[in-house]
Amino acid sequence: MAEAKLHTDLLEARAELQRLRDSMSVGAPTIHKDMSLVTLIPKWTGSDSAVTLEEFLASVESAARIGRWVDSDMREIATLKLAGSAKVFYQGCNELHENDATWETFKSAFRRRYEDVHTDQFHFTRLQTARQAKGESPQEFADRCRGLAQKVMARTNDPQAQRVHRENADRMLLASFVSGLTGTPGRQVRYANPQTLEQALKIALSVQEAEKQERFNESFYTKFDESVRLSSRSPSPAHAGSRHQRHSADGREVNHTRSQQSRIQGSIAKSENRGTRNARTKDESRCFECNGWGHFARECPTRYKREGKPIGSPGKRGPRERPKRPRSPGSKPPHANEREARKEATSSGNASRV
C-alpha cells in the first residue's frame, strides 16, 4: 500500500514538472498582478463635491497599467469603488450586468449618465475669463485653470486625435493663466513670454518670493532704524536725573506763573462784574424827585432847576458821601449831640406841662 501510494505521488510530480518545462519552453512568462494598488483609487459618488468622472476613470486605468490588470479586473474594481448615486445607477443599468460587458461599455454608460449639462461654449468662456482671485496664490490659480482646461478638452478613442485635443487645451490653458495673473508676478510673466505652463508658474512663484523678501527687508530695516533712533535719544541716568530735576523746577515755576495769572484774571473779572452791576443798578434806579428812571434824586435835573443850581453840580450827598470831619478826643459825634438835644427838649416840655 505504501509503495503504491509513493509510486502514484512520484508520477504526479513528474507530470507537474513536465508541465512546467513545457510552459518555459513555449516562452509564456508568468504574470503577477499587483492588487494592492486598489487602495490608491478613490471612491466615486457622482456628486459635485467628488472628483470628476474622467479623473476616476483615469485613476483606474493608471492602476491597471501598473498592476498588470486585465479588462475584467478594471471593471470589477471600478464597481467596488462606486458609492452613493453612482452605485444606484450601476445597479439599475442592465447594460453593465450583461456577460459581454467590457471596460469600454462601463465608461460609455457612465459618461452618458454623468455628462456635463453645460455647453462647451460655457466652459470656453470660463477658461478665457479666468482671473486670479484676491489671496489666491499662482499655484492655486494654475490648478483652477487646469480643471477648466480639462472640461474643454474633447474626448476620443483615437490616440492621435486625443493628443491634438490635449495640445490645444494646453495652449488655451497657458494663455488663460498668463492673462489672468495679477500684480507684479503677472506683469513679469507676460514680459517673459513663457512657452509652457511650468515656465510661467516658475516665474510667477519666483517673483512672489522676491516680493515677500523685499517687504521683509523693508520692515526689518525700518524697525532697526527706529530702535537706533530711540537708543540715541535715551540719556544717561545722571543726565536723566538732572533733567528730571530741571523739569520739576520748570513745572513749579510754570504752575506759580499760572496761579498768578489766574488770580489777576479773577480780580479783573470781579471788578468788571462790579462795574457792570453798578451800571445795571444805576440804570434800574428811580428818582424820588421827579419819578424818573436812570438817576438818583441828588442828580435830578428838575431839582437843579428848582434850586437854581447848574446841571451837573454836586447835589445833596448821601450818608455814604458825606465827608468825615475830624473830631477832638473829648467831643461827641454829631448824632449823639442830636439825641441829647432831643432828650433835653422833651424833658423841658414835660417840666413846663407840670
Foldseek 3Di string as FASTA:
>chain_A
DVVVVVVVVVVVVVVVVVVVVVVVVVPDDDQAFDPVLLVVQAADELDPPDDDPVVNLVSLVVSCVVRVHDFVVSLVSNLVRYDHPRVVVCVPDVQCVDPPHTNVNVSVVVCVVNPDPDDLVVLLVCLQPAAADVPRALVNSLVVSVVSLVVNQDDDPDPVVSVVSVVVSQVSSQVSSLVRYDDPLSVVLVVVVDDGPVVSSVSSVVVVVVVVVVVVVVVVVVVVVVVVVVVVPDDDPVVVVVVVVVVVVVVVVVVVVVVVVVVVVVVVVVVVVVVVVVQVCQQADAEPVVRHGNHYVQQDPVVCVVVVHDRPDGGDDDPVPDDDDDDDPPDDDPVVVVVVVVVVVVVVVVVVVD
